Amino acid sequence: MSYITGIITAAGFSNRMGTLKALLPWKGTTMISHQINILKLSGCNEIIVVLGFKSEEIIQEINNEDVKIVENHDYSYGRASSIKTAVNKSNIETECFVILGVDQPRDTEIISFLINSHFKSGFLITSPRYLGKGGHPILLSSKLRDELLGIDEETLGLKNIFEKYRAGGINKVEISNPLVKLDLNEFQDYQNAYDEFGM
């Protein structure tokens, strides 16, 4: 059995949303609890939640969940710092990282399908697509651990790793579910998505 680490980044300011994304209602619970449950049900052995801004409020919500909570004290520098924080704290047995933002709600079917495809493909990176365009979560082999620990916003975070390995092949998985493109940055985005997917 492969050891899989799910990473949820939830450290940002949520400025454009106007309220903490992690605590927004979704599928009868909160966004953060939904994401944790989905990763668990999809086969992740370890789930790391990266917090920063107003972390104490989010910790109260996930206090009973069996997850590893890590604080990113550099969260103001961007998402790359959160990914690095999680990778640094991940289990050494990890073979694959499933990286998902708290504002990118998914379902078990999508995550499970991507995990299976990733291990069957043998590629270092798996990227879901919807109508030919990239979505989330991104799956990365633990063979890229050192490179993940070296990313920063100046080198465009994960994009730099994508570009490096593009020639050698990325496992691009076409998904028919538009959820793979959902990225909730503003409150109107959230309201529209909630009406369609979140109830």
N, C-alpha and C. Protein backbone atom coordinates (compact mmCIF):
# COMPACT_ATOMS: atom_id res chain seq x y z
N MET A 1 0.83 -1.20 0.00
CA MET A 1 0.00 0.00 0.00
C MET A 1 0.87 1.26 0.00
N SER A 2 0.52 2.19 -0.82
CA SER A 2 1.27 3.45 -0.90
C SER A 2 0.88 4.38 0.24
N TYR A 3 1.85 5.13 0.72
CA TYR A 3 1.59 6.11 1.78
C TYR A 3 1.38 7.47 1.11
N ILE A 4 0.23 8.08 1.41
CA ILE A 4 -0.15 9.31 0.73
C ILE A 4 -0.41 10.41 1.76
N THR A 5 0.15 11.57 1.50
CA THR A 5 -0.06 12.73 2.37
C THR A 5 -0.92 13.77 1.66
N GLY A 6 -2.04 14.09 2.27
CA GLY A 6 -2.89 15.16 1.76
C GLY A 6 -2.53 16.47 2.47
N ILE A 7 -2.36 17.52 1.69
CA ILE A 7 -2.00 18.83 2.24
C ILE A 7 -3.12 19.82 1.93
N ILE A 8 -3.65 20.46 2.97
CA ILE A 8 -4.64 21.51 2.79
C ILE A 8 -4.02 22.84 3.21
N THR A 9 -3.93 23.77 2.27
CA THR A 9 -3.39 25.09 2.60
C THR A 9 -4.54 26.00 2.99
N ALA A 10 -4.46 26.53 4.22
CA ALA A 10 -5.54 27.38 4.75
C ALA A 10 -4.95 28.50 5.60
N ALA A 11 -3.83 29.05 5.14
CA ALA A 11 -3.10 30.02 5.95
C ALA A 11 -3.33 31.48 5.54
N GLY A 12 -3.96 31.70 4.39
CA GLY A 12 -4.02 33.05 3.82
C GLY A 12 -4.99 33.99 4.52
N PHE A 13 -4.96 35.24 4.07
CA PHE A 13 -5.77 36.30 4.68
C PHE A 13 -7.25 36.26 4.29
N SER A 14 -7.59 35.60 3.19
CA SER A 14 -8.97 35.59 2.67
C SER A 14 -9.48 37.00 2.40
N ASN A 15 -8.58 37.89 1.95
CA ASN A 15 -8.95 39.28 1.76
C ASN A 15 -10.11 39.46 0.79
N ARG A 16 -10.01 38.82 -0.37
CA ARG A 16 -11.05 39.01 -1.39
C ARG A 16 -12.38 38.38 -0.98
N MET A 17 -12.33 37.33 -0.17
CA MET A 17 -13.55 36.67 0.30
C MET A 17 -14.25 37.52 1.36
N GLY A 18 -13.46 38.22 2.19
CA GLY A 18 -14.03 39.07 3.22
C GLY A 18 -14.33 38.35 4.52
N THR A 19 -14.12 37.04 4.54
CA THR A 19 -14.31 36.22 5.74
C THR A 19 -13.44 34.98 5.59
N LEU A 20 -13.18 34.28 6.67
CA LEU A 20 -12.32 33.10 6.60
C LEU A 20 -12.94 32.02 5.72
N LYS A 21 -12.24 31.66 4.65
CA LYS A 21 -12.75 30.64 3.73
C LYS A 21 -12.95 29.30 4.45
N ALA A 22 -12.04 28.99 5.34
CA ALA A 22 -12.06 27.68 6.00
C ALA A 22 -13.34 27.43 6.77
N LEU A 23 -13.99 28.50 7.24
CA LEU A 23 -15.17 28.34 8.09
C LEU A 23 -16.48 28.55 7.34
N LEU A 24 -16.43 28.76 6.05
CA LEU A 24 -17.65 28.90 5.26
C LEU A 24 -18.41 27.56 5.20
N PRO A 25 -19.73 27.61 5.21
CA PRO A 25 -20.51 26.37 5.12
C PRO A 25 -20.31 25.65 3.79
N TRP A 26 -20.25 24.31 3.86
CA TRP A 26 -20.14 23.49 2.65
C TRP A 26 -20.58 22.06 2.96
N LYS A 27 -21.56 21.58 2.25
CA LYS A 27 -22.03 20.20 2.38
C LYS A 27 -22.38 19.82 3.82
N GLY A 28 -23.06 20.72 4.52
CA GLY A 28 -23.51 20.42 5.87
C GLY A 28 -22.47 20.58 6.95
N THR A 29 -21.28 21.04 6.58
CA THR A 29 -20.22 21.27 7.56
C THR A 29 -19.48 22.55 7.13
N THR A 30 -18.23 22.67 7.49
CA THR A 30 -17.44 23.82 7.04
C THR A 30 -16.51 23.40 5.91
N MET A 31 -16.00 24.38 5.20
CA MET A 31 -15.12 24.09 4.08
C MET A 31 -13.91 23.26 4.54
N ILE A 32 -13.31 23.62 5.66
CA ILE A 32 -12.11 22.91 6.12
C ILE A 32 -12.43 21.48 6.52
N SER A 33 -13.54 21.27 7.22
CA SER A 33 -13.91 19.92 7.64
C SER A 33 -14.29 19.06 6.43
N HIS A 34 -14.95 19.67 5.47
CA HIS A 34 -15.29 18.95 4.23
C HIS A 34 -14.03 18.46 3.54
N GLN A 35 -13.04 19.34 3.39
CA GLN A 35 -11.81 18.96 2.70
C GLN A 35 -11.06 17.86 3.44
N ILE A 36 -11.02 17.96 4.76
CA ILE A 36 -10.37 16.92 5.57
C ILE A 36 -11.05 15.58 5.35
N ASN A 37 -12.38 15.57 5.43
CA ASN A 37 -13.13 14.31 5.27
C ASN A 37 -12.94 13.70 3.89
N ILE A 38 -12.93 14.55 2.86
CA ILE A 38 -12.77 14.06 1.49
C ILE A 38 -11.40 13.41 1.31
N LEU A 39 -10.36 14.04 1.84
CA LEU A 39 -9.02 13.47 1.71
C LEU A 39 -8.91 12.14 2.47
N LYS A 40 -9.54 12.07 3.63
CA LYS A 40 -9.54 10.82 4.40
C LYS A 40 -10.21 9.71 3.60
N LEU A 41 -11.40 10.00 3.11
CA LEU A 41 -12.18 9.00 2.38
C LEU A 41 -11.53 8.60 1.06
N SER A 42 -10.66 9.46 0.56
CA SER A 42 -10.01 9.19 -0.73
C SER A 42 -8.74 8.37 -0.58
N GLY A 43 -8.34 8.08 0.64
CA GLY A 43 -7.20 7.19 0.85
C GLY A 43 -5.93 7.84 1.35
N CYS A 44 -6.00 9.10 1.76
CA CYS A 44 -4.79 9.75 2.31
C CYS A 44 -4.51 9.19 3.70
N ASN A 45 -3.27 8.77 3.92
CA ASN A 45 -2.87 8.21 5.21
C ASN A 45 -2.58 9.29 6.24
N GLU A 46 -2.19 10.43 5.76
CA GLU A 46 -1.82 11.55 6.63
C GLU A 46 -2.41 12.82 6.01
N ILE A 47 -3.00 13.66 6.86
CA ILE A 47 -3.53 14.93 6.37
C ILE A 47 -2.90 16.05 7.18
N ILE A 48 -2.29 16.96 6.46
CA ILE A 48 -1.63 18.11 7.07
C ILE A 48 -2.40 19.37 6.70
N VAL A 49 -2.83 20.11 7.71
CA VAL A 49 -3.52 21.38 7.49
C VAL A 49 -2.56 22.50 7.87
N VAL A 50 -2.31 23.38 6.92
CA VAL A 50 -1.38 24.49 7.16
C VAL A 50 -2.18 25.75 7.47
N LEU A 51 -1.96 26.29 8.66
CA LEU A 51 -2.68 27.48 9.10
C LEU A 51 -1.72 28.65 9.29
N GLY A 52 -2.31 29.86 9.30
CA GLY A 52 -1.52 31.07 9.50
C GLY A 52 -2.40 32.16 10.06
N PHE A 53 -3.09 32.90 9.19
CA PHE A 53 -3.96 33.99 9.60
C PHE A 53 -5.14 33.47 10.41
N LYS A 54 -5.33 34.05 11.61
CA LYS A 54 -6.43 33.66 12.51
C LYS A 54 -6.50 32.15 12.71
N SER A 55 -5.35 31.55 12.88
CA SER A 55 -5.29 30.09 13.00
C SER A 55 -6.07 29.56 14.20
N GLU A 56 -6.13 30.35 15.28
CA GLU A 56 -6.82 29.86 16.48
C GLU A 56 -8.31 29.63 16.22
N GLU A 57 -8.92 30.43 15.34
CA GLU A 57 -10.34 30.25 15.03
C GLU A 57 -10.56 28.96 14.24
N ILE A 58 -9.65 28.66 13.34
CA ILE A 58 -9.79 27.45 12.52
C ILE A 58 -9.47 26.20 13.34
N ILE A 59 -8.50 26.31 14.24
CA ILE A 59 -8.13 25.17 15.10
C ILE A 59 -9.34 24.70 15.91
N GLN A 60 -10.15 25.64 16.38
CA GLN A 60 -11.35 25.27 17.15
C GLN A 60 -12.30 24.41 16.32
N GLU A 61 -12.36 24.68 15.03
CA GLU A 61 -13.24 23.93 14.14
C GLU A 61 -12.74 22.51 13.89
N ILE A 62 -11.42 22.34 13.83
CA ILE A 62 -10.87 21.02 13.46
C ILE A 62 -10.21 20.31 14.64
N ASN A 63 -10.54 20.75 15.83
CA ASN A 63 -9.89 20.22 17.03
C ASN A 63 -10.10 18.73 17.20
N ASN A 64 -11.24 18.21 16.73
CA ASN A 64 -11.55 16.79 16.93
C ASN A 64 -11.15 15.92 15.74
N GLU A 65 -10.60 16.54 14.73
CA GLU A 65 -10.21 15.80 13.54
C GLU A 65 -8.82 15.17 13.73
N ASP A 66 -8.62 14.01 13.14
CA ASP A 66 -7.34 13.31 13.24
C ASP A 66 -6.41 13.82 12.13
N VAL A 67 -5.90 15.03 12.34
CA VAL A 67 -5.03 15.65 11.34
C VAL A 67 -3.81 16.26 12.03
N LYS A 68 -2.82 16.54 11.22
CA LYS A 68 -1.63 17.22 11.71
C LYS A 68 -1.76 18.70 11.36
N ILE A 69 -1.81 19.54 12.38
CA ILE A 69 -1.93 20.98 12.17
C ILE A 69 -0.56 21.62 12.30
N VAL A 70 -0.15 22.35 11.27
CA VAL A 70 1.13 23.04 11.32
C VAL A 70 0.92 24.53 11.06
N GLU A 71 1.70 25.35 11.71
CA GLU A 71 1.60 26.80 11.57
C GLU A 71 2.66 27.29 10.59
N ASN A 72 2.23 28.07 9.63
CA ASN A 72 3.15 28.73 8.71
C ASN A 72 3.29 30.18 9.15
N HIS A 73 4.40 30.49 9.78
CA HIS A 73 4.61 31.84 10.29
C HIS A 73 4.96 32.82 9.17
N ASP A 74 5.23 32.29 8.00
CA ASP A 74 5.57 33.14 6.85
C ASP A 74 4.42 33.22 5.85
N TYR A 75 3.18 33.00 6.32
CA TYR A 75 2.05 32.89 5.39
C TYR A 75 1.83 34.16 4.56
N SER A 76 2.29 35.29 5.05
CA SER A 76 2.09 36.53 4.30
C SER A 76 2.89 36.55 3.00
N TYR A 77 3.87 35.63 2.87
CA TYR A 77 4.69 35.58 1.65
C TYR A 77 4.02 34.79 0.52
N GLY A 78 2.92 34.10 0.82
CA GLY A 78 2.22 33.39 -0.24
C GLY A 78 2.12 31.89 0.01
N ARG A 79 1.42 31.21 -0.92
CA ARG A 79 1.07 29.79 -0.76
C ARG A 79 2.29 28.87 -0.80
N ALA A 80 3.32 29.27 -1.53
CA ALA A 80 4.51 28.42 -1.62
C ALA A 80 5.08 28.14 -0.24
N SER A 81 5.04 29.12 0.64
CA SER A 81 5.59 28.93 1.99
C SER A 81 4.76 27.90 2.77
N SER A 82 3.47 27.85 2.50
CA SER A 82 2.60 26.86 3.17
C SER A 82 2.91 25.45 2.68
N ILE A 83 3.10 25.32 1.37
CA ILE A 83 3.42 24.00 0.81
C ILE A 83 4.74 23.50 1.38
N LYS A 84 5.72 24.37 1.44
CA LYS A 84 7.03 23.99 2.01
C LYS A 84 6.90 23.57 3.47
N THR A 85 6.11 24.31 4.23
CA THR A 85 5.91 23.99 5.65
C THR A 85 5.32 22.60 5.81
N ALA A 86 4.33 22.27 4.97
CA ALA A 86 3.68 20.96 5.06
C ALA A 86 4.62 19.84 4.64
N VAL A 87 5.31 20.02 3.54
CA VAL A 87 6.23 18.98 3.05
C VAL A 87 7.32 18.71 4.10
N ASN A 88 7.79 19.74 4.73
CA ASN A 88 8.84 19.62 5.75
C ASN A 88 8.35 18.82 6.95
N LYS A 89 7.05 18.86 7.23
CA LYS A 89 6.48 18.17 8.39
C LYS A 89 5.86 16.82 8.03
N SER A 90 5.92 16.45 6.77
CA SER A 90 5.26 15.22 6.33
C SER A 90 6.03 13.97 6.74
N ASN A 91 5.31 12.87 6.78
CA ASN A 91 5.89 11.58 7.13
C ASN A 91 6.96 11.18 6.11
N ILE A 92 8.06 10.68 6.58
CA ILE A 92 9.17 10.32 5.69
C ILE A 92 8.78 9.17 4.75
N GLU A 93 7.73 8.42 5.10
CA GLU A 93 7.28 7.30 4.27
C GLU A 93 6.42 7.75 3.09
N THR A 94 6.06 9.02 3.07
CA THR A 94 5.17 9.53 2.01
C THR A 94 5.73 9.26 0.62
N GLU A 95 4.85 8.77 -0.25
CA GLU A 95 5.22 8.53 -1.64
C GLU A 95 4.57 9.53 -2.58
N CYS A 96 3.52 10.20 -2.09
CA CYS A 96 2.78 11.13 -2.94
C CYS A 96 2.16 12.23 -2.10
N PHE A 97 2.25 13.46 -2.60
CA PHE A 97 1.60 14.61 -1.96
C PHE A 97 0.37 15.01 -2.79
N VAL A 98 -0.77 15.15 -2.12
CA VAL A 98 -1.99 15.65 -2.76
C VAL A 98 -2.21 17.06 -2.21
N ILE A 99 -2.02 18.07 -3.05
CA ILE A 99 -2.03 19.45 -2.58
C ILE A 99 -3.32 20.15 -2.99
N LEU A 100 -4.04 20.65 -1.99
CA LEU A 100 -5.36 21.22 -2.20
C LEU A 100 -5.54 22.47 -1.34
N GLY A 101 -6.06 23.53 -1.94
CA GLY A 101 -6.38 24.73 -1.16
C GLY A 101 -7.71 24.54 -0.45
N VAL A 102 -7.87 25.19 0.68
CA VAL A 102 -9.12 25.08 1.42
C VAL A 102 -10.28 25.66 0.61
N ASP A 103 -9.96 26.52 -0.35
CA ASP A 103 -11.00 27.16 -1.18
C ASP A 103 -11.23 26.41 -2.50
N GLN A 104 -10.80 25.15 -2.53
CA GLN A 104 -10.96 24.31 -3.73
C GLN A 104 -11.71 23.02 -3.35
N PRO A 105 -12.97 23.12 -2.95
CA PRO A 105 -13.70 21.92 -2.50
C PRO A 105 -13.85 20.89 -3.61
N ARG A 106 -13.60 19.64 -3.27
CA ARG A 106 -13.67 18.54 -4.23
C ARG A 106 -14.53 17.41 -3.66
N ASP A 107 -14.63 16.32 -4.38
CA ASP A 107 -15.34 15.16 -3.85
C ASP A 107 -14.43 13.93 -3.89
N THR A 108 -14.87 12.88 -3.22
CA THR A 108 -14.05 11.67 -3.07
C THR A 108 -13.76 11.03 -4.42
N GLU A 109 -14.74 11.04 -5.30
CA GLU A 109 -14.57 10.39 -6.60
C GLU A 109 -13.40 11.00 -7.38
N ILE A 110 -13.31 12.33 -7.37
CA ILE A 110 -12.23 13.01 -8.09
C ILE A 110 -10.87 12.67 -7.49
N ILE A 111 -10.76 12.81 -6.17
CA ILE A 111 -9.45 12.59 -5.52
C ILE A 111 -9.00 11.14 -5.67
N SER A 112 -9.90 10.20 -5.43
CA SER A 112 -9.56 8.78 -5.55
C SER A 112 -9.11 8.44 -6.97
N PHE A 113 -9.81 8.96 -7.95
CA PHE A 113 -9.48 8.70 -9.35
C PHE A 113 -8.09 9.23 -9.68
N LEU A 114 -7.79 10.42 -9.19
CA LEU A 114 -6.48 11.03 -9.46
C LEU A 114 -5.35 10.26 -8.78
N ILE A 115 -5.58 9.81 -7.56
CA ILE A 115 -4.56 9.03 -6.84
C ILE A 115 -4.26 7.74 -7.59
N ASN A 116 -5.31 7.04 -7.99
CA ASN A 116 -5.12 5.79 -8.74
C ASN A 116 -4.38 6.03 -10.05
N SER A 117 -4.78 7.07 -10.75
CA SER A 117 -4.13 7.40 -12.02
C SER A 117 -2.67 7.76 -11.82
N HIS A 118 -2.38 8.49 -10.75
CA HIS A 118 -1.01 8.92 -10.48
C HIS A 118 -0.07 7.72 -10.32
N PHE A 119 -0.49 6.76 -9.52
CA PHE A 119 0.40 5.61 -9.25
C PHE A 119 0.49 4.68 -10.45
N LYS A 120 -0.57 4.57 -11.22
CA LYS A 120 -0.53 3.75 -12.43
C LYS A 120 0.37 4.36 -13.50
N SER A 121 0.39 5.69 -13.56
CA SER A 121 1.10 6.39 -14.64
C SER A 121 2.62 6.31 -14.51
N GLY A 122 3.12 6.32 -13.27
CA GLY A 122 4.57 6.34 -13.07
C GLY A 122 5.19 7.72 -13.23
N PHE A 123 4.37 8.73 -13.55
CA PHE A 123 4.89 10.10 -13.68
C PHE A 123 5.11 10.73 -12.31
N LEU A 124 5.94 11.76 -12.29
CA LEU A 124 6.22 12.47 -11.04
C LEU A 124 5.10 13.43 -10.65
N ILE A 125 4.37 13.90 -11.66
CA ILE A 125 3.33 14.91 -11.43
C ILE A 125 2.04 14.48 -12.12
N THR A 126 0.93 14.65 -11.41
CA THR A 126 -0.39 14.41 -12.00
C THR A 126 -1.21 15.68 -11.89
N SER A 127 -1.82 16.06 -13.00
CA SER A 127 -2.61 17.29 -13.07
C SER A 127 -3.98 17.00 -13.67
N PRO A 128 -5.06 17.27 -12.93
CA PRO A 128 -6.40 17.07 -13.50
C PRO A 128 -6.73 18.18 -14.50
N ARG A 129 -7.53 17.84 -15.50
CA ARG A 129 -7.95 18.82 -16.51
C ARG A 129 -9.46 18.78 -16.64
N TYR A 130 -10.02 19.94 -16.93
CA TYR A 130 -11.44 20.02 -17.27
C TYR A 130 -11.55 20.83 -18.55
N LEU A 131 -12.07 20.20 -19.60
CA LEU A 131 -12.14 20.81 -20.92
C LEU A 131 -10.75 21.31 -21.38
N GLY A 132 -9.74 20.51 -21.03
CA GLY A 132 -8.37 20.80 -21.47
C GLY A 132 -7.60 21.77 -20.62
N LYS A 133 -8.23 22.33 -19.60
CA LYS A 133 -7.55 23.32 -18.76
C LYS A 133 -7.26 22.73 -17.38
N GLY A 134 -6.11 23.10 -16.83
CA GLY A 134 -5.64 22.53 -15.57
C GLY A 134 -6.49 22.89 -14.38
N GLY A 135 -6.59 21.94 -13.45
CA GLY A 135 -7.35 22.16 -12.22
C GLY A 135 -6.57 21.69 -11.00
N HIS A 136 -7.29 21.33 -9.96
CA HIS A 136 -6.69 20.90 -8.70
C HIS A 136 -7.50 19.73 -8.13
N PRO A 137 -6.87 18.90 -7.29
CA PRO A 137 -5.54 19.04 -6.70
C PRO A 137 -4.42 18.60 -7.63
N ILE A 138 -3.24 19.08 -7.32
CA ILE A 138 -2.02 18.62 -7.97
C ILE A 138 -1.42 17.50 -7.12
N LEU A 139 -0.98 16.43 -7.79
CA LEU A 139 -0.32 15.33 -7.09
C LEU A 139 1.14 15.29 -7.49
N LEU A 140 2.01 15.20 -6.51
CA LEU A 140 3.45 15.17 -6.78
C LEU A 140 4.12 14.03 -6.03
N SER A 141 5.01 13.35 -6.73
CA SER A 141 5.78 12.27 -6.12
C SER A 141 6.70 12.81 -5.03
N SER A 142 6.92 12.00 -4.01
CA SER A 142 7.84 12.40 -2.94
C SER A 142 9.28 12.45 -3.43
N LYS A 143 9.54 11.94 -4.65
CA LYS A 143 10.87 12.09 -5.24
C LYS A 143 11.20 13.56 -5.49
N LEU A 144 10.16 14.40 -5.48
CA LEU A 144 10.34 15.84 -5.67
C LEU A 144 10.40 16.60 -4.35
N ARG A 145 10.53 15.87 -3.25
CA ARG A 145 10.51 16.50 -1.92
C ARG A 145 11.52 17.65 -1.81
N ASP A 146 12.75 17.40 -2.18
CA ASP A 146 13.78 18.44 -2.06
C ASP A 146 13.46 19.66 -2.91
N GLU A 147 12.92 19.41 -4.10
CA GLU A 147 12.56 20.54 -4.96
C GLU A 147 11.37 21.31 -4.40
N LEU A 148 10.43 20.60 -3.79
CA LEU A 148 9.30 21.27 -3.16
C LEU A 148 9.76 22.15 -2.00
N LEU A 149 10.76 21.69 -1.29
CA LEU A 149 11.28 22.47 -0.17
C LEU A 149 12.06 23.70 -0.64
N GLY A 150 12.32 23.77 -1.94
CA GLY A 150 13.07 24.90 -2.49
C GLY A 150 12.22 25.93 -3.22
N ILE A 151 10.89 25.71 -3.27
CA ILE A 151 10.06 26.65 -4.02
C ILE A 151 9.86 27.96 -3.25
N ASP A 152 9.58 29.01 -3.96
CA ASP A 152 9.18 30.27 -3.35
C ASP A 152 8.38 31.07 -4.36
N GLU A 153 7.82 32.18 -3.93
CA GLU A 153 6.97 32.97 -4.82
C GLU A 153 7.77 33.58 -5.97
N GLU A 154 9.03 33.90 -5.71
CA GLU A 154 9.86 34.52 -6.74
C GLU A 154 10.11 33.59 -7.92
N THR A 155 10.14 32.29 -7.64
CA THR A 155 10.33 31.31 -8.73
C THR A 155 9.00 30.68 -9.12
N LEU A 156 7.89 31.40 -8.83
CA LEU A 156 6.54 31.01 -9.23
C LEU A 156 6.04 29.72 -8.58
N GLY A 157 6.58 29.38 -7.42
CA GLY A 157 6.08 28.24 -6.66
C GLY A 157 6.13 26.94 -7.44
N LEU A 158 5.00 26.24 -7.50
CA LEU A 158 4.94 24.95 -8.19
C LEU A 158 5.10 25.07 -9.69
N LYS A 159 4.81 26.23 -10.23
CA LYS A 159 4.91 26.41 -11.69
C LYS A 159 6.32 26.13 -12.19
N ASN A 160 7.31 26.46 -11.39
CA ASN A 160 8.70 26.23 -11.77
C ASN A 160 8.98 24.73 -11.90
N ILE A 161 8.43 23.94 -10.99
CA ILE A 161 8.59 22.48 -11.04
C ILE A 161 7.86 21.92 -12.25
N PHE A 162 6.66 22.43 -12.50
CA PHE A 162 5.90 22.00 -13.68
C PHE A 162 6.69 22.21 -14.96
N GLU A 163 7.27 23.39 -15.08
CA GLU A 163 8.02 23.71 -16.30
C GLU A 163 9.23 22.79 -16.46
N LYS A 164 9.88 22.49 -15.36
CA LYS A 164 11.08 21.65 -15.40
C LYS A 164 10.76 20.25 -15.92
N TYR A 165 9.61 19.71 -15.52
CA TYR A 165 9.29 18.32 -15.86
C TYR A 165 8.29 18.19 -17.00
N ARG A 166 7.88 19.31 -17.59
CA ARG A 166 6.90 19.27 -18.66
C ARG A 166 7.38 18.43 -19.85
N ALA A 167 8.65 18.59 -20.21
CA ALA A 167 9.19 17.87 -21.37
C ALA A 167 9.19 16.36 -21.14
N GLY A 168 9.47 15.94 -19.91
CA GLY A 168 9.52 14.52 -19.60
C GLY A 168 8.16 13.89 -19.43
N GLY A 169 7.15 14.73 -19.38
CA GLY A 169 5.79 14.21 -19.27
C GLY A 169 5.13 14.45 -17.93
N ILE A 170 3.92 14.96 -17.99
CA ILE A 170 3.07 15.13 -16.81
C ILE A 170 1.81 14.30 -17.05
N ASN A 171 1.36 13.60 -16.04
CA ASN A 171 0.15 12.79 -16.16
C ASN A 171 -1.06 13.73 -16.13
N LYS A 172 -1.56 14.08 -17.31
CA LYS A 172 -2.71 14.97 -17.43
C LYS A 172 -3.98 14.13 -17.50
N VAL A 173 -4.85 14.29 -16.52
CA VAL A 173 -6.03 13.45 -16.39
C VAL A 173 -7.28 14.27 -16.67
N GLU A 174 -7.96 13.93 -17.75
CA GLU A 174 -9.19 14.65 -18.09
C GLU A 174 -10.33 14.18 -17.18
N ILE A 175 -10.96 15.14 -16.51
CA ILE A 175 -12.07 14.87 -15.60
C ILE A 175 -13.31 15.58 -16.13
N SER A 176 -14.43 14.90 -16.17
CA SER A 176 -15.64 15.51 -16.72
C SER A 176 -16.39 16.37 -15.72
N ASN A 177 -15.96 16.35 -14.47
CA ASN A 177 -16.64 17.11 -13.41
C ASN A 177 -16.03 18.51 -13.28
N PRO A 178 -16.83 19.58 -13.46
CA PRO A 178 -16.30 20.95 -13.37
C PRO A 178 -15.76 21.32 -11.99
N LEU A 179 -16.01 20.49 -10.99
CA LEU A 179 -15.47 20.74 -9.64
C LEU A 179 -13.95 20.89 -9.65
N VAL A 180 -13.28 20.23 -10.57
CA VAL A 180 -11.80 20.27 -10.57
C VAL A 180 -11.28 21.67 -10.87
N LYS A 181 -12.14 22.55 -11.40
CA LYS A 181 -11.72 23.92 -11.70
C LYS A 181 -12.16 24.92 -10.64
N LEU A 182 -12.97 24.48 -9.68
CA LEU A 182 -13.53 25.39 -8.69
C LEU A 182 -12.45 25.97 -7.79
N ASP A 183 -12.38 27.29 -7.74
CA ASP A 183 -11.39 28.00 -6.93
C ASP A 183 -12.09 29.25 -6.40
N LEU A 184 -12.44 29.24 -5.12
CA LEU A 184 -13.34 30.25 -4.56
C LEU A 184 -12.56 31.40 -3.93
N ASN A 185 -12.42 32.49 -4.67
CA ASN A 185 -11.65 33.63 -4.18
C ASN A 185 -12.51 34.78 -3.66
N GLU A 186 -13.65 34.99 -4.29
CA GLU A 186 -14.52 36.09 -3.88
C GLU A 186 -15.87 35.54 -3.41
N PHE A 187 -16.58 36.35 -2.62
CA PHE A 187 -17.81 35.84 -1.99
C PHE A 187 -18.86 35.47 -3.03
N GLN A 188 -18.91 36.20 -4.13
CA GLN A 188 -19.87 35.86 -5.18
C GLN A 188 -19.53 34.50 -5.81
N ASP A 189 -18.22 34.24 -5.96
CA ASP A 189 -17.79 32.92 -6.44
C ASP A 189 -18.32 31.83 -5.51
N TYR A 190 -18.15 32.07 -4.21
CA TYR A 190 -18.59 31.09 -3.22
C TYR A 190 -20.10 30.89 -3.26
N GLN A 191 -20.86 31.98 -3.31
CA GLN A 191 -22.32 31.87 -3.33
C GLN A 191 -22.80 31.08 -4.55
N ASN A 192 -22.23 31.39 -5.71
CA ASN A 192 -22.62 30.67 -6.92
C ASN A 192 -22.29 29.19 -6.83
N ALA A 193 -21.07 28.89 -6.32
CA ALA A 193 -20.64 27.50 -6.19
C ALA A 193 -21.46 26.75 -5.15
N TYR A 194 -21.79 27.43 -4.06
CA TYR A 194 -22.57 26.79 -3.01
C TYR A 194 -23.94 26.39 -3.52
N ASP A 195 -24.56 27.28 -4.28
CA ASP A 195 -25.89 26.98 -4.83
C ASP A 195 -25.84 25.77 -5.77
N GLU A 196 -24.73 25.62 -6.48
CA GLU A 196 -24.63 24.52 -7.44
C GLU A 196 -24.08 23.22 -6.86
N PHE A 197 -23.08 23.36 -5.96
CA PHE A 197 -22.37 22.17 -5.48
C PHE A 197 -22.39 21.97 -3.97
N GLY A 198 -22.60 23.04 -3.20
CA GLY A 198 -22.29 23.00 -1.77
C GLY A 198 -23.39 22.62 -0.82
N MET A 199 -24.61 22.47 -1.33
CA MET A 199 -25.73 22.20 -0.41
C MET A 199 -25.86 20.70 -0.10
